[in-house]
Every structure is written in structure tokens, then in C-alpha cells.
Amino acid sequence: MTASEERGIGAVNGGDTFRILHVSTGNVCRSPITERLTRHALRDRLGDLSARGLIVESAGTWGHEGAAMEPNAETVLADFGADPSGFTGRELLDEHVIRADLVLTATRDHRAQVISMGHSAGLRTFTLKEFTRLVRAIDPATLPDPRSEGFVERARALVRAAAALRGWLLAPSAEADEVYDPYGAPITFFRSIGEEINQALDPVVTALTGVPASR
């Protein structure tokens, strides 16, 4: 993996980027899985060259700074064919929120913590499952064509459209927007969480890129 790929997907495209930040608690289980599955899905649809400008990162509200990913999380990523190598845990800092164009959290508590940090984060911070629900309601024909306007512009428009729908499309239950913490659980629970995350990511990545997953 190249240095630029360690930071995210591809390199800066004409100085214009769209940065996705995944947030959980320790940044050793859920957010690393989500980060690496997002990268994997983007590469599957776009290839490295076409994905330039999209950066994917993660951090934890009580992040284990410098820690390795949990071994069970690495196993889950390997199950999906995603690359778990070279990961280092981070504690969520103001600078991460400031730079992010889209923050996707594991739970509503994480979302509240990010928003409480300020930096006008409210309109670009969602739980992962909340964002998936909103994205499913957006007509892709209303989004910029990435072939002519670029993936960054499409991604920014997607976030604006999702923010406009929030409050209209509520979760059917309080638990519906939660991805539960598998820390310390057996590999079977990690795998169920990995599948849950992967299913939530699929419509998001399709909406971001305009390209459905290969089956």
C-alpha cells in the first residue's frame, strides 16, 4: 500500500478532496472495519486512479492512540477481501472534525459527541445507518454526474441532500441507527457486525460513486 493510500483513497485531485471520517469509541473495532470496507468498496467500483480526491479515515472518541486493530476486526476485513494492514488507532481530535466533509459514526452517542465539538459539524455528521436510510431516499438523478463534475462534487451534493432530509425520515426505533460494539466478543459477533456495516455501506458507496457493486 502506498503512502497516499494509507491516508485514504488516492491523492489530491487538483487540490480538491472529500474526506470521510468514521468514528467509534476505541478506534480498534467498528471504525477500522468501516474505514477499510469503505476503501475496499470504492476501489472495487472506481479503481485507484478514478477514486482520487476521496479520502477515508477513522478515529475514536476514546481512541486507543497508536493501537493496532483488534485481531477479530482484521479477520472480518480479510473475509471481505479488504486490507487490514498498517492500521494505527487515533483519538478523535478537533482537527479531524474540522477537515472532514462527512462524519459517519457507529452510534447516536458518537454523533452527539462529534457535534458537541463544534466546527459546524451538525450538517455533516450522521450515524452510518442514519446516512444509509437518508441516502436510499435520494434520487441519484438529482446528484452531479461524476463523469463530468467529479466525485468530490457529487459527494458534497449527497451530504447536502441527506442533511435536508433529516427530520423527515426518522428511524423506526432508537436501536435502528446503532452499530453495537463487538469489543471482546467472539469472532461470530464480529462477523455479524462486519456484515451489518458492509450492508449499510453498499448504498452509500453506490450513491457516492454512481457505480453499483459488482456481484
Protein backbone atom coordinates (compact mmCIF):
# COMPACT_ATOMS: atom_id res chain seq x y z
CA MET A 1 0.00 0.00 0.00
CA THR A 2 1.32 3.44 -0.93
CA ALA A 3 1.69 6.34 1.47
CA SER A 4 -1.28 8.13 -0.08
CA GLU A 5 -3.43 5.03 0.29
CA GLU A 6 -2.51 4.88 3.95
CA ARG A 7 -4.24 8.25 4.28
CA GLY A 8 -7.22 7.29 2.18
CA ILE A 9 -8.12 6.60 -1.41
CA GLY A 10 -5.85 8.11 -3.99
CA ALA A 11 -4.23 11.51 -3.98
CA VAL A 12 -5.45 15.06 -4.09
CA ASN A 13 -7.21 15.84 -7.37
CA GLY A 14 -6.28 19.39 -8.26
CA GLY A 15 -6.23 20.31 -4.57
CA ASP A 16 -9.87 19.28 -4.21
CA THR A 17 -10.78 16.47 -1.82
CA PHE A 18 -13.71 14.93 0.00
CA ARG A 19 -12.77 13.46 3.36
CA ILE A 20 -14.90 10.77 5.06
CA LEU A 21 -14.29 10.23 8.78
CA HIS A 22 -15.61 7.11 10.52
CA VAL A 23 -15.95 7.39 14.30
CA SER A 24 -16.46 4.81 17.05
CA THR A 25 -15.20 4.54 20.63
CA GLY A 26 -11.78 2.93 20.73
CA ASN A 27 -10.93 3.05 17.00
CA VAL A 28 -9.87 -0.58 17.13
CA CYS A 29 -13.06 -2.42 16.06
CA ARG A 30 -16.02 -0.73 14.37
CA SER A 31 -14.46 2.36 12.82
CA PRO A 32 -11.40 0.49 11.43
CA ILE A 33 -13.74 -2.09 9.88
CA THR A 34 -15.88 0.68 8.40
CA GLU A 35 -12.89 2.66 7.15
CA ARG A 36 -11.27 -0.27 5.39
CA LEU A 37 -14.54 -1.63 3.96
CA THR A 38 -15.28 1.84 2.56
CA ARG A 39 -11.88 1.97 0.87
CA HIS A 40 -12.32 -1.55 -0.45
CA ALA A 41 -15.76 -0.75 -1.90
CA LEU A 42 -14.52 2.47 -3.52
CA ARG A 43 -11.63 0.65 -5.17
CA ASP A 44 -13.97 -2.09 -6.34
CA ARG A 45 -16.14 0.45 -8.13
CA LEU A 46 -13.63 3.08 -9.23
CA GLY A 47 -10.13 1.67 -9.24
CA ASP A 48 -7.30 3.66 -7.68
CA LEU A 49 -6.98 6.30 -10.41
CA SER A 50 -10.68 7.19 -10.65
CA ALA A 51 -11.03 7.49 -6.88
CA ARG A 52 -8.58 10.36 -6.47
CA GLY A 53 -9.96 13.09 -4.27
CA LEU A 54 -11.80 10.72 -1.90
CA ILE A 55 -10.06 10.25 1.44
CA VAL A 56 -11.24 7.78 4.09
CA GLU A 57 -10.10 7.91 7.72
CA SER A 58 -11.24 6.92 11.20
CA ALA A 59 -10.81 7.89 14.85
CA GLY A 60 -12.27 7.10 18.26
CA THR A 61 -13.95 9.29 20.87
CA TRP A 62 -11.85 7.37 23.42
CA GLY A 63 -9.37 6.31 20.79
CA HIS A 64 -6.52 3.97 21.62
CA GLU A 65 -3.83 6.23 20.15
CA GLY A 66 -1.24 4.16 18.29
CA ALA A 67 -3.02 0.86 18.95
CA ALA A 68 -3.33 -1.93 16.44
CA MET A 69 -6.70 -3.04 15.14
CA GLU A 70 -8.33 -5.87 17.09
CA PRO A 71 -7.35 -9.26 15.58
CA ASN A 72 -11.01 -10.23 15.11
CA ALA A 73 -11.56 -7.00 13.18
CA GLU A 74 -8.64 -7.91 10.92
CA THR A 75 -10.19 -11.32 10.34
CA VAL A 76 -13.51 -9.76 9.37
CA LEU A 77 -11.80 -7.46 6.87
CA ALA A 78 -9.92 -10.40 5.38
CA ASP A 79 -13.27 -12.22 4.98
CA PHE A 80 -14.42 -9.37 2.72
CA GLY A 81 -11.14 -9.21 0.83
CA ALA A 82 -10.31 -5.83 2.37
CA ASP A 83 -6.82 -4.85 3.50
CA PRO A 84 -6.35 -4.58 7.29
CA SER A 85 -2.61 -3.88 7.17
CA GLY A 86 -0.86 -0.79 8.50
CA PHE A 87 -3.70 0.44 10.68
CA THR A 88 -2.98 2.66 13.70
CA GLY A 89 -5.66 3.79 16.15
CA ARG A 90 -6.29 7.50 16.73
CA GLU A 91 -8.07 9.59 19.32
CA LEU A 92 -10.64 11.93 17.78
CA LEU A 93 -9.28 15.47 17.66
CA ASP A 94 -10.75 18.81 16.65
CA GLU A 95 -8.61 18.82 13.52
CA HIS A 96 -10.18 15.56 12.33
CA VAL A 97 -13.67 17.02 12.57
CA ILE A 98 -12.64 20.32 11.01
CA ARG A 99 -11.17 18.59 7.95
CA ALA A 100 -13.98 16.07 7.45
CA ASP A 101 -16.62 16.62 4.79
CA LEU A 102 -18.69 13.70 6.07
CA VAL A 103 -18.56 12.13 9.54
CA LEU A 104 -20.21 8.72 9.93
CA THR A 105 -20.47 7.39 13.47
CA ALA A 106 -21.25 3.97 14.89
CA THR A 107 -23.89 5.23 17.33
CA ARG A 108 -26.04 8.22 18.19
CA ASP A 109 -23.86 8.92 21.23
CA HIS A 110 -20.81 9.18 18.98
CA ARG A 111 -22.74 11.51 16.69
CA ALA A 112 -23.64 13.72 19.65
CA GLN A 113 -20.03 13.81 20.81
CA VAL A 114 -18.80 14.88 17.38
CA ILE A 115 -21.44 17.58 17.09
CA SER A 116 -20.65 18.84 20.60
CA MET A 117 -17.09 19.54 19.46
CA GLY A 118 -18.47 22.36 17.32
CA HIS A 119 -16.84 23.28 13.99
CA SER A 120 -20.29 23.40 12.30
CA ALA A 121 -20.26 19.61 12.27
CA GLY A 122 -24.01 19.13 12.66
CA LEU A 123 -24.95 19.19 8.98
CA ARG A 124 -22.23 16.71 8.00
CA THR A 125 -22.37 14.24 10.89
CA PHE A 126 -24.66 11.20 10.82
CA THR A 127 -24.68 7.72 12.20
CA LEU A 128 -23.75 5.27 9.46
CA LYS A 129 -27.19 3.68 9.43
CA GLU A 130 -28.92 7.07 9.53
CA PHE A 131 -26.96 8.19 6.49
CA THR A 132 -27.79 4.94 4.70
CA ARG A 133 -31.50 5.48 5.34
CA LEU A 134 -31.35 9.04 4.03
CA VAL A 135 -29.26 8.13 1.00
CA ARG A 136 -31.79 5.47 -0.03
CA ALA A 137 -34.41 8.23 -0.29
CA ILE A 138 -32.32 10.46 -2.59
CA ASP A 139 -32.91 10.23 -6.34
CA PRO A 140 -29.44 9.67 -7.84
CA ALA A 141 -30.54 11.58 -10.94
CA THR A 142 -30.56 14.75 -8.82
CA LEU A 143 -26.86 14.39 -7.99
CA PRO A 144 -23.99 15.70 -10.15
CA ASP A 145 -22.70 13.29 -12.77
CA PRO A 146 -19.23 12.30 -11.54
CA ARG A 147 -18.02 11.80 -15.12
CA SER A 148 -18.45 15.49 -15.86
CA GLU A 149 -18.42 17.19 -12.46
CA GLY A 150 -16.22 14.84 -10.45
CA PHE A 151 -16.71 12.57 -7.47
CA VAL A 152 -15.98 15.33 -4.95
CA GLU A 153 -18.85 17.50 -6.17
CA ARG A 154 -21.18 14.50 -6.22
CA ALA A 155 -20.20 13.58 -2.65
CA ARG A 156 -20.76 17.13 -1.39
CA ALA A 157 -24.17 17.25 -3.04
CA LEU A 158 -25.07 13.91 -1.46
CA VAL A 159 -24.29 15.21 2.03
CA ARG A 160 -26.35 18.36 1.45
CA ALA A 161 -29.30 16.30 0.21
CA ALA A 162 -29.08 13.92 3.17
CA ALA A 163 -28.94 16.81 5.65
CA ALA A 164 -32.05 18.32 4.06
CA LEU A 165 -33.97 15.07 4.59
CA ARG A 166 -33.01 14.64 8.24
CA GLY A 167 -36.06 15.16 10.41
CA TRP A 168 -38.35 13.86 7.68
CA LEU A 169 -37.11 10.27 7.62
CA LEU A 170 -36.87 9.14 11.22
CA ALA A 171 -35.54 5.80 12.40
CA PRO A 172 -38.22 3.19 13.14
CA SER A 173 -36.65 2.62 16.56
CA ALA A 174 -33.85 4.03 18.69
CA GLU A 175 -31.76 0.93 18.01
CA ALA A 176 -32.12 1.14 14.24
CA ASP A 177 -29.28 3.66 13.89
CA GLU A 178 -26.85 1.82 16.18
CA VAL A 179 -23.89 -0.41 15.33
CA TYR A 180 -23.09 -2.23 18.56
CA ASP A 181 -19.58 -2.63 19.90
CA PRO A 182 -18.06 -6.11 19.37
CA TYR A 183 -15.02 -5.38 21.53
CA GLY A 184 -14.14 -8.52 23.49
CA ALA A 185 -16.79 -10.58 21.72
CA PRO A 186 -16.16 -13.83 19.82
CA ILE A 187 -15.42 -13.82 16.11
CA THR A 188 -19.01 -14.79 15.27
CA PHE A 189 -20.29 -11.49 16.68
CA PHE A 190 -17.52 -9.57 14.91
CA ARG A 191 -18.59 -11.19 11.65
CA SER A 192 -22.23 -10.24 12.20
CA ILE A 193 -21.18 -6.63 12.88
CA GLY A 194 -18.96 -6.68 9.80
CA GLU A 195 -21.87 -7.84 7.65
CA GLU A 196 -24.11 -5.18 9.19
CA ILE A 197 -21.56 -2.48 8.36
CA ASN A 198 -20.99 -3.80 4.86
CA GLN A 199 -24.71 -3.79 4.09
CA ALA A 200 -25.05 -0.24 5.38
CA LEU A 201 -22.09 0.93 3.31
CA ASP A 202 -23.22 -0.55 0.00
CA PRO A 203 -25.92 2.05 -0.86
CA VAL A 204 -23.69 4.84 0.46
CA VAL A 205 -20.76 3.95 -1.77
CA THR A 206 -23.11 3.42 -4.72
CA ALA A 207 -24.57 6.88 -4.18
CA LEU A 208 -21.13 8.46 -3.78
CA THR A 209 -19.78 6.94 -6.97
CA GLY A 210 -22.81 6.34 -9.15
CA VAL A 211 -21.50 2.81 -9.68
CA PRO A 212 -23.27 -0.25 -8.22
CA ALA A 213 -21.25 -3.01 -6.60
CA SER A 214 -20.12 -5.84 -8.82
CA ARG A 215 -21.96 -9.06 -8.00
